[in-house]
Protein backbone atom coordinates (compact mmCIF):
# COMPACT_ATOMS: atom_id res chain seq x y z
CA MET A 1 95.83 51.11 125.85
CA GLY A 2 97.79 49.21 123.67
CA PHE A 3 98.08 45.99 124.88
CA MET A 4 97.30 42.59 123.17
CA ASN A 5 98.51 38.96 124.35
CA LEU A 6 102.22 37.96 123.29
CA SER A 7 101.35 34.80 121.29
CA LYS A 8 99.96 38.06 119.89
CA GLY A 9 103.38 39.94 118.94
CA ILE A 10 105.53 40.64 116.00
CA THR A 11 108.16 38.69 115.23
CA ASN A 12 111.92 40.96 115.83
CA GLU A 13 109.81 43.64 117.58
CA GLN A 14 110.43 44.83 120.88
CA TYR A 15 107.54 44.81 123.69
CA ILE A 16 108.02 45.53 127.49
CA ILE A 17 106.33 43.50 129.84
CA ASN A 18 102.79 44.97 131.14
CA ASN A 19 101.34 42.19 133.03
CA ILE A 20 100.77 38.53 133.34
CA THR A 21 98.25 36.80 134.46
CA THR A 22 98.63 32.90 135.51
CA ASP A 23 98.60 30.99 138.43
CA SER A 24 101.39 31.10 140.72
CA ILE A 25 103.69 28.65 140.66
CA THR A 26 103.81 30.02 136.62
CA LYS A 27 104.37 33.21 137.08
CA THR A 28 106.86 32.61 139.95
CA ARG A 29 108.43 30.16 137.90
CA LEU A 30 108.85 32.84 135.09
CA GLN A 31 110.37 35.47 137.46
CA VAL A 32 113.82 33.00 137.57
CA LEU A 33 113.75 33.23 134.72
CA GLY A 34 113.71 37.38 134.28
CA ILE A 35 110.50 37.62 132.41
CA LEU A 36 107.92 40.14 134.69
CA LYS A 37 106.48 43.24 134.60
CA GLY A 38 108.25 45.96 133.12
CA THR A 39 111.30 43.95 131.37
CA LYS A 40 111.68 44.11 127.97
CA ILE A 41 112.02 41.19 124.89
CA ILE A 42 111.73 40.87 121.40
CA ILE A 43 109.83 37.89 119.54
CA LEU A 44 112.03 35.85 117.54
CA ASN A 45 109.92 32.97 116.28
CA LYS A 46 106.26 31.75 116.52
CA ARG A 47 105.30 28.97 116.54
CA ARG A 48 101.89 27.34 115.98
CA SER A 49 103.52 25.93 119.88
CA GLY A 50 104.06 28.52 121.08
CA VAL A 51 107.14 31.81 121.05
CA ILE A 52 110.19 31.85 121.32
CA ILE A 53 111.59 34.98 122.83
CA LYS A 54 114.62 36.77 123.63
CA VAL A 55 115.45 38.02 127.53
CA ARG A 56 117.86 39.98 128.59
CA GLY A 57 120.23 37.96 126.01
CA THR A 58 119.22 34.66 126.90
CA ARG A 59 116.11 32.39 124.71
CA ILE A 60 113.60 31.29 126.49
CA GLY A 61 110.11 29.21 124.84
CA ILE A 62 107.45 29.46 125.87
CA ASP A 63 104.24 27.44 125.33
CA LYS A 64 100.62 29.01 123.62
CA LYS A 65 98.69 28.64 127.08
CA ILE A 66 101.60 30.75 129.08
CA SER A 67 101.67 33.08 126.09
CA ASN A 68 98.84 34.16 126.17
CA SER A 69 98.52 35.19 130.00
CA ILE A 70 101.15 37.47 129.37
CA ASN A 71 100.51 40.90 128.11
CA ILE A 72 102.73 43.78 125.95
CA ARG A 73 103.09 47.02 125.18
CA ARG A 74 105.69 47.88 122.87
CA GLU A 75 108.73 49.90 124.22
CA GLU A 76 108.19 53.65 123.89
CA LYS A 77 110.56 55.98 121.15
CA ASN A 78 111.13 59.92 121.89
CA GLY A 79 109.23 59.39 125.41
CA LYS A 80 105.96 58.29 123.34
CA LEU A 81 104.63 54.98 123.89
CA GLU A 82 104.18 53.40 120.17
CA PRO A 83 100.31 51.74 119.78
CA CYS A 84 100.82 47.81 119.69
CA ILE A 85 99.31 46.49 116.58
CA TYR A 86 98.36 43.56 115.30
CA ARG A 87 99.39 41.39 112.06
CA GLN A 88 98.15 38.72 111.68
CA SER A 89 101.37 36.43 110.43
């Protein structure tokens, strides 16, 4: 359906968070930081240890385990969903 986890996203692309599947404590911490379903994010950088994203004007580092639990999709363009394309980085 065009979803992938955050760690598979492409740097400098904008996505929308579709779902977060992690324990309730981590999910609450992410929500406090503004990372929740429907939020627009930009992947700024990817490392072996995790991902750096931009959320509502703030840069946030997320470790690999948590980034694997965040499902994203491409932002809609012209009223249509753009498919997520996985590129090896």
